[in-house]
Amino acid sequence: MKRTATAQWKGAGIDGTGSLTTRSGAFQEQP
């Protein structure tokens, strides 16, 4: 079984914002 996730980060260092998504939606409920 192959699992994948995608991460995106915008901005510099701790001032940026980001998101992490998976096909299963495992991280949808995380702040």
N, C-alpha and C. Protein backbone atom coordinates (compact mmCIF):
# COMPACT_ATOMS: atom_id res chain seq x y z
N MET A 1 0.85 -1.18 0.00
CA MET A 1 0.00 0.00 0.00
C MET A 1 0.89 1.24 0.00
N LYS A 2 0.55 2.18 -0.83
CA LYS A 2 1.32 3.41 -0.93
C LYS A 2 0.47 4.57 -0.43
N ARG A 3 1.01 5.34 0.51
CA ARG A 3 0.28 6.49 1.06
C ARG A 3 1.05 7.76 0.72
N THR A 4 0.32 8.79 0.40
CA THR A 4 0.96 10.06 0.05
C THR A 4 0.31 11.20 0.82
N ALA A 5 1.08 12.26 0.99
CA ALA A 5 0.59 13.48 1.63
C ALA A 5 1.21 14.66 0.89
N THR A 6 0.56 15.80 0.97
CA THR A 6 1.06 17.01 0.33
C THR A 6 1.16 18.11 1.37
N ALA A 7 2.30 18.79 1.39
CA ALA A 7 2.50 19.90 2.32
C ALA A 7 2.76 21.17 1.53
N GLN A 8 2.18 22.27 1.96
CA GLN A 8 2.41 23.57 1.35
C GLN A 8 2.74 24.57 2.45
N TRP A 9 3.75 25.40 2.22
CA TRP A 9 4.14 26.42 3.19
C TRP A 9 4.30 27.74 2.45
N LYS A 10 3.69 28.79 2.98
CA LYS A 10 3.79 30.12 2.38
C LYS A 10 4.31 31.08 3.43
N GLY A 11 5.33 31.83 3.10
CA GLY A 11 5.91 32.77 4.03
C GLY A 11 7.28 32.34 4.47
N ALA A 12 7.85 33.10 5.40
CA ALA A 12 9.21 32.85 5.86
C ALA A 12 9.19 32.36 7.31
N GLY A 13 9.81 31.23 7.55
CA GLY A 13 9.98 30.72 8.91
C GLY A 13 8.70 30.59 9.68
N ILE A 14 8.72 31.00 10.95
CA ILE A 14 7.55 30.84 11.81
C ILE A 14 6.44 31.84 11.48
N ASP A 15 6.73 32.83 10.65
CA ASP A 15 5.72 33.81 10.27
C ASP A 15 4.81 33.31 9.15
N GLY A 16 5.15 32.20 8.55
CA GLY A 16 4.38 31.68 7.43
C GLY A 16 3.19 30.85 7.89
N THR A 17 2.43 30.40 6.91
CA THR A 17 1.30 29.51 7.17
C THR A 17 1.42 28.32 6.24
N GLY A 18 0.86 27.22 6.66
CA GLY A 18 0.97 26.03 5.83
C GLY A 18 -0.20 25.10 6.00
N SER A 19 -0.22 24.08 5.15
CA SER A 19 -1.27 23.07 5.23
C SER A 19 -0.69 21.71 4.86
N LEU A 20 -1.31 20.68 5.40
CA LEU A 20 -0.91 19.30 5.12
C LEU A 20 -2.17 18.53 4.78
N THR A 21 -2.19 17.90 3.62
CA THR A 21 -3.37 17.15 3.21
C THR A 21 -3.00 15.72 2.86
N THR A 22 -3.95 14.83 3.09
CA THR A 22 -3.79 13.42 2.72
C THR A 22 -5.03 12.99 1.96
N ARG A 23 -4.92 11.94 1.20
CA ARG A 23 -6.07 11.43 0.45
C ARG A 23 -7.15 10.92 1.39
N SER A 24 -6.76 10.41 2.55
CA SER A 24 -7.73 9.87 3.50
C SER A 24 -8.42 10.97 4.32
N GLY A 25 -7.86 12.18 4.31
CA GLY A 25 -8.43 13.27 5.10
C GLY A 25 -8.05 13.20 6.57
N ALA A 26 -6.99 12.48 6.90
CA ALA A 26 -6.60 12.25 8.28
C ALA A 26 -6.29 13.54 9.05
N PHE A 27 -5.89 14.59 8.37
CA PHE A 27 -5.50 15.82 9.06
C PHE A 27 -6.55 16.93 8.95
N GLN A 28 -7.73 16.64 8.47
CA GLN A 28 -8.74 17.67 8.28
C GLN A 28 -9.20 18.31 9.58
N GLU A 29 -9.22 17.58 10.67
CA GLU A 29 -9.72 18.10 11.95
C GLU A 29 -8.65 18.78 12.79
N GLN A 30 -7.44 18.92 12.27
CA GLN A 30 -6.34 19.52 13.03
C GLN A 30 -6.33 21.03 12.84
N PRO A 31 -5.99 21.79 13.88
CA PRO A 31 -5.94 23.26 13.77
C PRO A 31 -4.77 23.73 12.93
